[in-house]
Structures are given as structure tokens and as C-alpha cells.
Amino acid sequence: MSFKLPALPYAHNALEPHIDAKTMEIHHGKHHQGYTTKLNAAIEGTAAENQSIEEILQGLDMSNGAVRNNGGGYYNHCLFWEVLSPNGGGLPSDDLAQAIVKDFGSFEDFKTAFSNAAATQFGSGWAWLCVQSGGKLEVCATPNQDNPLMPEVGCGGTPILGIDVWEHAYYLNYQNRRPDYITAFFSVINWEEVAKRFEANR
């Protein structure tokens, strides 16, 4: 079984002005496609060919750079496109909103923690909102294309929201102004999708 690049669930320009069309076109069509192609090459002829991407990452040999980098890149971007929406922004509702208040104190405190994790991730990487078994929420960050599904990353649980802070995710529009990109990201979060992931994994 080979992995395929998922179609974007909206047009390239649908997230403007927060994320520009050219960035989306390159990010999805070049970067995500590249991770997909290299992941398929890395697992060809191995047992991983018959596994889901989650199974591959959870059982990963972290010394296998090709699968670690490209499997992470494939999974992370699949999640990223889904948790964004042209109708996004605002606040989460219902059980997710209550869990955020319980574990962070308030939505604003969560936003600060998540933004800080994204802003202070040195170099390339991701910041995550994860849910543990039992429903506890955690914010953390990982370098490069690592994610919380992988062993030994110091960040556990299932990611339900992630922000890509590689420069290719924002540089055309924001240059070195990563905090401005992080602020804009909150205007396009698909909280309905994040809530579905929370319910499915708590």
C-alpha cells in the first residue's frame, strides 16, 4: 500500500489573508507531495507497507531518518490541512472548551501556552495540542517533522491541533515575523474538527 497526497479540503486562496494562496500551493503541492513520495520510497518492501501511518509512527525506530522525517512530514501535514478552515477562528465549544478551561485555566491561557510553544520552537518544527487517554490536554513542541505519536519525543498523547512553524509555512507572507503568523493561525483554526479529534481520542 502506498500513501497518497490528500486533496486540500478548500481552495488554495481560501485562507487568505491569513495564509496566502502561493504559500498553500507550494506547501501542499511541493512540500507535502515530497514527503509523501519519499515516505513511499522509504517503506517499499518493508512491513510498514501494510501499516497505517499511525502504526508506522508509533512503532518507529527513531534512528531510521528516512521514515522518521518523511513519515512525520506526511502525517503532520495531513492533520494540518484538516484543522484549518476558511470558516475557522472563534472559540471551541462544548466538551473541548470545558477541557481547555480545566487544563489551562482559560482559553486565553491555552492560547498563550500554544503560541509560546510555537514561537519558541528553535528552528523548524511544530507546536501541538495533544489529548491523553482520559481526556487531559497538553501543549508541547517538537523539532523538524517529529510528532507526539513517535516514541521518545518528550511529548505524548494524540495530536488534535498542530501548527507548522517551518519557514516554508509562512515566509512568503510573514518573512521572519513568526509571531504574526501564529496570531493569524488562530483566525483559521477549524475548532469543529479539533473537537471531533478530541472526542475520538480521549
Protein backbone atom coordinates (compact mmCIF):
# COMPACT_ATOMS: atom_id res chain seq x y z
CA MET A 1 0.00 0.00 0.00
CA SER A 2 1.37 3.39 -0.89
CA PHE A 3 0.35 6.66 0.68
CA LYS A 4 -1.29 9.35 -1.41
CA LEU A 5 -1.26 13.12 -1.13
CA PRO A 6 -4.70 14.11 0.22
CA ALA A 7 -6.58 16.83 -1.63
CA LEU A 8 -6.91 20.13 0.17
CA PRO A 9 -10.42 20.47 1.63
CA TYR A 10 -10.62 24.07 0.33
CA ALA A 11 -9.13 26.23 -2.42
CA HIS A 12 -5.53 27.49 -2.22
CA ASN A 13 -6.75 31.04 -1.63
CA ALA A 14 -9.50 30.14 0.87
CA LEU A 15 -7.45 31.03 3.96
CA GLU A 16 -6.44 34.49 2.76
CA PRO A 17 -5.47 36.97 4.10
CA HIS A 18 -4.20 34.85 6.98
CA ILE A 19 -2.36 32.29 4.83
CA ASP A 20 -1.73 33.28 1.22
CA ALA A 21 -2.56 31.19 -1.84
CA LYS A 22 1.01 30.90 -3.11
CA THR A 23 2.22 29.53 0.23
CA MET A 24 -0.62 27.00 0.26
CA GLU A 25 0.12 25.93 -3.31
CA ILE A 26 3.82 25.35 -2.61
CA HIS A 27 3.31 23.92 0.87
CA HIS A 28 0.75 21.34 -0.23
CA GLY A 29 1.80 20.62 -3.79
CA LYS A 30 5.57 20.63 -3.31
CA HIS A 31 6.48 20.04 0.34
CA HIS A 32 3.68 17.63 1.32
CA GLN A 33 3.96 15.84 -2.01
CA GLY A 34 7.69 15.47 -1.42
CA TYR A 35 7.19 13.88 1.99
CA THR A 36 4.59 11.54 0.50
CA THR A 37 6.84 10.38 -2.34
CA LYS A 38 9.87 9.88 -0.09
CA LEU A 39 7.84 8.04 2.54
CA ASN A 40 6.61 5.56 -0.05
CA ALA A 41 10.19 5.01 -1.24
CA ALA A 42 11.42 4.55 2.34
CA ILE A 43 8.88 1.84 3.25
CA GLU A 44 8.86 -0.01 -0.07
CA GLY A 45 9.45 -3.71 0.50
CA THR A 46 9.16 -3.46 4.30
CA ALA A 47 6.45 -4.49 6.78
CA ALA A 48 5.46 -0.82 7.05
CA GLU A 49 3.89 -1.06 3.59
CA ASN A 50 0.90 -2.80 5.25
CA GLN A 51 0.58 -0.42 8.20
CA SER A 52 -1.32 2.79 8.75
CA ILE A 53 0.71 5.96 9.14
CA GLU A 54 -0.19 5.98 12.86
CA GLU A 55 1.11 2.42 13.29
CA ILE A 56 4.32 3.32 11.45
CA LEU A 57 4.98 6.32 13.67
CA GLN A 58 4.06 4.66 16.97
CA GLY A 59 6.40 1.73 16.26
CA LEU A 60 9.13 3.83 14.70
CA ASP A 61 12.84 3.12 15.02
CA MET A 62 13.91 6.72 15.64
CA SER A 63 17.29 6.06 14.02
CA ASN A 64 15.53 5.50 10.68
CA GLY A 65 15.79 9.06 9.42
CA ALA A 66 14.00 8.47 6.11
CA VAL A 67 10.82 7.12 7.72
CA ARG A 68 11.05 9.45 10.72
CA ASN A 69 11.34 12.62 8.63
CA ASN A 70 9.05 11.71 5.75
CA GLY A 71 6.50 9.73 7.77
CA GLY A 72 6.30 12.61 10.20
CA GLY A 73 6.05 15.11 7.38
CA TYR A 74 3.26 13.12 5.76
CA TYR A 75 1.19 12.70 8.94
CA ASN A 76 1.76 16.22 10.28
CA HIS A 77 0.60 17.90 7.10
CA CYS A 78 -2.44 15.62 6.73
CA LEU A 79 -3.54 16.84 10.16
CA PHE A 80 -2.58 20.45 9.44
CA TRP A 81 -4.86 20.87 6.40
CA GLU A 82 -7.81 19.34 8.28
CA VAL A 83 -7.58 21.59 11.33
CA LEU A 84 -7.70 24.74 9.19
CA SER A 85 -10.82 26.21 7.63
CA PRO A 86 -11.84 29.39 5.78
CA ASN A 87 -14.74 29.49 8.27
CA GLY A 88 -12.45 28.92 11.24
CA GLY A 89 -11.42 31.02 14.18
CA GLY A 90 -13.53 31.91 17.14
CA LEU A 91 -13.70 29.66 20.17
CA PRO A 92 -14.09 25.93 20.74
CA SER A 93 -17.38 24.76 22.22
CA ASP A 94 -18.87 22.07 24.44
CA ASP A 95 -16.61 19.38 25.91
CA LEU A 96 -13.41 20.64 24.28
CA ALA A 97 -13.99 24.15 25.62
CA GLN A 98 -14.55 22.74 29.11
CA ALA A 99 -11.40 20.61 28.88
CA ILE A 100 -9.33 23.63 27.82
CA VAL A 101 -10.58 25.63 30.80
CA LYS A 102 -9.97 22.67 33.14
CA ASP A 103 -6.40 22.04 31.98
CA PHE A 104 -5.19 25.56 31.16
CA GLY A 105 -7.37 27.85 33.27
CA SER A 106 -8.98 29.70 30.35
CA PHE A 107 -8.96 29.80 26.58
CA GLU A 108 -6.64 32.81 26.70
CA ASP A 109 -4.20 30.88 28.90
CA PHE A 110 -4.29 28.00 26.41
CA LYS A 111 -3.71 30.42 23.54
CA THR A 112 -0.71 31.89 25.33
CA ALA A 113 0.77 28.46 26.06
CA PHE A 114 0.25 27.24 22.49
CA SER A 115 1.59 30.46 20.96
CA ASN A 116 4.65 30.39 23.21
CA ALA A 117 5.38 26.77 22.28
CA ALA A 118 5.18 27.68 18.59
CA ALA A 119 7.18 30.90 18.91
CA THR A 120 10.00 29.40 20.99
CA GLN A 121 10.48 26.18 18.98
CA PHE A 122 14.03 26.77 17.77
CA GLY A 123 14.41 26.41 14.03
CA SER A 124 11.94 24.19 12.20
CA GLY A 125 9.23 22.22 13.94
CA TRP A 126 5.67 22.09 15.22
CA ALA A 127 3.61 23.03 18.26
CA TRP A 128 0.81 20.71 19.31
CA LEU A 129 -2.32 20.42 21.38
CA CYS A 130 -2.49 16.76 22.43
CA VAL A 131 -5.06 14.71 24.28
CA GLN A 132 -4.08 11.93 26.66
CA SER A 133 -6.16 8.85 27.35
CA GLY A 134 -8.71 10.10 29.86
CA GLY A 135 -9.08 13.47 28.18
CA LYS A 136 -6.25 15.53 29.70
CA LEU A 137 -4.89 18.16 27.31
CA GLU A 138 -1.24 19.14 26.89
CA VAL A 139 0.66 21.67 24.80
CA CYS A 140 4.15 20.79 23.56
CA ALA A 141 6.51 21.30 20.64
CA THR A 142 8.70 19.01 18.56
CA PRO A 143 11.59 19.71 16.18
CA ASN A 144 11.63 19.09 12.44
CA GLN A 145 8.86 16.64 11.45
CA ASP A 146 8.70 14.80 14.77
CA ASN A 147 5.29 14.48 16.42
CA PRO A 148 3.77 13.16 19.67
CA LEU A 149 2.91 9.76 18.18
CA MET A 150 6.62 8.92 17.92
CA PRO A 151 8.49 7.32 20.82
CA GLU A 152 10.93 9.30 22.94
CA VAL A 153 9.99 12.81 21.77
CA GLY A 154 9.16 14.07 25.26
CA CYS A 155 5.63 14.86 24.21
CA GLY A 156 2.88 12.26 24.40
CA GLY A 157 -0.76 11.69 23.61
CA THR A 158 -2.57 12.12 20.31
CA PRO A 159 -2.20 15.43 18.48
CA ILE A 160 -5.53 17.10 17.76
CA LEU A 161 -4.18 20.51 16.67
CA GLY A 162 -0.82 21.40 15.20
CA ILE A 163 0.86 24.47 13.77
CA ASP A 164 3.71 24.15 11.28
CA VAL A 165 6.49 26.61 12.16
CA TRP A 166 8.85 25.62 9.37
CA GLU A 167 9.62 28.76 7.38
CA HIS A 168 8.01 27.26 4.27
CA ALA A 169 4.66 27.54 6.10
CA TYR A 170 4.75 31.33 6.41
CA TYR A 171 7.83 33.02 4.95
CA LEU A 172 6.36 34.39 1.72
CA ASN A 173 3.81 36.45 3.62
CA TYR A 174 5.35 36.94 7.07
CA GLN A 175 9.12 36.69 6.44
CA ASN A 176 10.76 36.43 9.87
CA ARG A 177 7.63 37.52 11.75
CA ARG A 178 6.69 34.10 13.13
CA PRO A 179 4.58 35.58 15.98
CA ASP A 180 2.37 37.37 13.42
CA TYR A 181 1.81 34.07 11.59
CA ILE A 182 0.93 32.35 14.87
CA THR A 183 -1.60 35.07 15.68
CA ALA A 184 -3.13 34.72 12.19
CA PHE A 185 -3.32 30.94 12.60
CA PHE A 186 -5.94 31.37 15.34
CA SER A 187 -8.23 33.04 12.78
CA VAL A 188 -8.41 29.88 10.65
CA ILE A 189 -8.50 27.05 13.23
CA ASN A 190 -11.28 24.57 12.48
CA TRP A 191 -12.46 24.04 16.06
CA GLU A 192 -15.19 21.65 14.93
CA GLU A 193 -12.55 19.30 13.51
CA VAL A 194 -10.32 19.68 16.59
CA ALA A 195 -13.32 18.82 18.79
CA LYS A 196 -14.01 15.67 16.73
CA ARG A 197 -10.43 14.57 17.22
CA PHE A 198 -10.68 15.30 20.95
CA GLU A 199 -13.81 13.15 21.27
CA ALA A 200 -12.27 10.30 19.27
CA ASN A 201 -9.06 10.10 21.28
CA ARG A 202 -9.87 10.98 24.90
